Amino acid sequence: MQININLDEEMARKLAYIQQQTEQDVLEVIQSSIEIHYQQLQQQADPLAKLKQSPFIGCFQAEPDLAEKSEAILSSME
């Protein structure tokens, strides 16, 4: 796909700054920007992916079959 755009001065300045800092050409900057934005939208659309990336996953230690035995464990605590 071919895209032609006109940038205002502020956007052109920001693009030049990004190019200078990353040493990427315009195509690389646009491609990486699209990829970053795409990933952000995908995370919002997929709550499970968001949960998997959160610090919540893996913060507990327990028996591997805890879910299966939860009722028995709870009963034994009464």
Protein backbone atom coordinates (compact mmCIF):
# COMPACT_ATOMS: atom_id res chain seq x y z
CA MET A 1 0.00 0.00 0.00
CA GLN A 2 1.27 3.43 -0.84
CA ILE A 3 0.41 6.34 1.45
CA ASN A 4 0.99 10.05 0.88
CA ILE A 5 0.59 12.41 3.83
CA ASN A 6 1.05 16.08 4.62
CA LEU A 7 2.30 16.80 8.12
CA ASP A 8 1.91 20.10 9.91
CA GLU A 9 5.06 21.64 11.40
CA GLU A 10 4.58 20.10 14.84
CA MET A 11 4.12 16.56 13.50
CA ALA A 12 7.07 17.00 11.12
CA ARG A 13 9.21 18.15 14.05
CA LYS A 14 8.12 15.13 16.11
CA LEU A 15 8.83 12.77 13.23
CA ALA A 16 12.29 14.27 12.77
CA TYR A 17 12.97 13.92 16.49
CA ILE A 18 11.91 10.26 16.47
CA GLN A 19 14.11 9.62 13.44
CA GLN A 20 17.07 11.28 15.13
CA GLN A 21 16.63 9.37 18.38
CA THR A 22 15.99 5.97 16.80
CA GLU A 23 18.11 6.30 13.65
CA GLN A 24 15.15 4.96 11.67
CA ASP A 25 13.94 6.19 8.31
CA VAL A 26 10.38 7.44 7.85
CA LEU A 27 9.08 4.03 6.77
CA GLU A 28 10.56 2.31 9.83
CA VAL A 29 9.13 4.96 12.18
CA ILE A 30 5.67 4.62 10.67
CA GLN A 31 5.80 0.83 10.72
CA SER A 32 6.94 0.69 14.35
CA SER A 33 4.32 3.26 15.35
CA ILE A 34 1.59 1.20 13.69
CA GLU A 35 2.86 -1.95 15.41
CA ILE A 36 2.92 -0.28 18.85
CA HIS A 37 -0.58 1.12 18.39
CA TYR A 38 -1.83 -2.24 17.10
CA GLN A 39 -0.42 -4.08 20.13
CA GLN A 40 -2.05 -1.59 22.50
CA LEU A 41 -5.42 -2.06 20.83
CA GLN A 42 -5.06 -5.83 20.87
CA GLN A 43 -4.38 -5.80 24.60
CA GLN A 44 -7.49 -3.71 25.19
CA ALA A 45 -9.56 -6.06 23.04
CA ASP A 46 -8.30 -9.22 24.74
CA PRO A 47 -8.82 -9.14 28.52
CA LEU A 48 -7.11 -12.51 28.92
CA ALA A 49 -3.96 -11.22 27.24
CA LYS A 50 -4.03 -8.21 29.54
CA LEU A 51 -4.40 -10.46 32.58
CA LYS A 52 -1.54 -12.70 31.42
CA GLN A 53 0.76 -9.68 31.20
CA SER A 54 -0.21 -8.40 34.63
CA PRO A 55 1.82 -9.17 37.76
CA PHE A 56 -1.22 -11.06 39.10
CA ILE A 57 -0.32 -14.20 37.14
CA GLY A 58 2.27 -16.21 39.01
CA CYS A 59 2.07 -14.26 42.26
CA PHE A 60 0.63 -17.17 44.26
CA GLN A 61 2.20 -20.46 45.27
CA ALA A 62 -0.03 -23.46 45.86
CA GLU A 63 -0.62 -27.03 44.89
CA PRO A 64 -1.05 -27.51 41.13
CA ASP A 65 -4.47 -29.10 41.67
CA LEU A 66 -5.70 -26.47 44.12
CA ALA A 67 -8.74 -25.60 42.01
CA GLU A 68 -9.81 -29.23 41.81
CA LYS A 69 -9.39 -29.76 45.56
CA SER A 70 -10.63 -26.35 46.74
CA GLU A 71 -13.91 -27.63 48.18
CA ALA A 72 -12.19 -30.45 50.09
CA ILE A 73 -9.54 -28.07 51.41
CA LEU A 74 -12.18 -25.58 52.51
CA SER A 75 -14.21 -28.32 54.22
CA SER A 76 -11.14 -29.50 56.12
CA MET A 77 -10.60 -25.99 57.48
CA GLU A 78 -14.02 -25.81 59.14
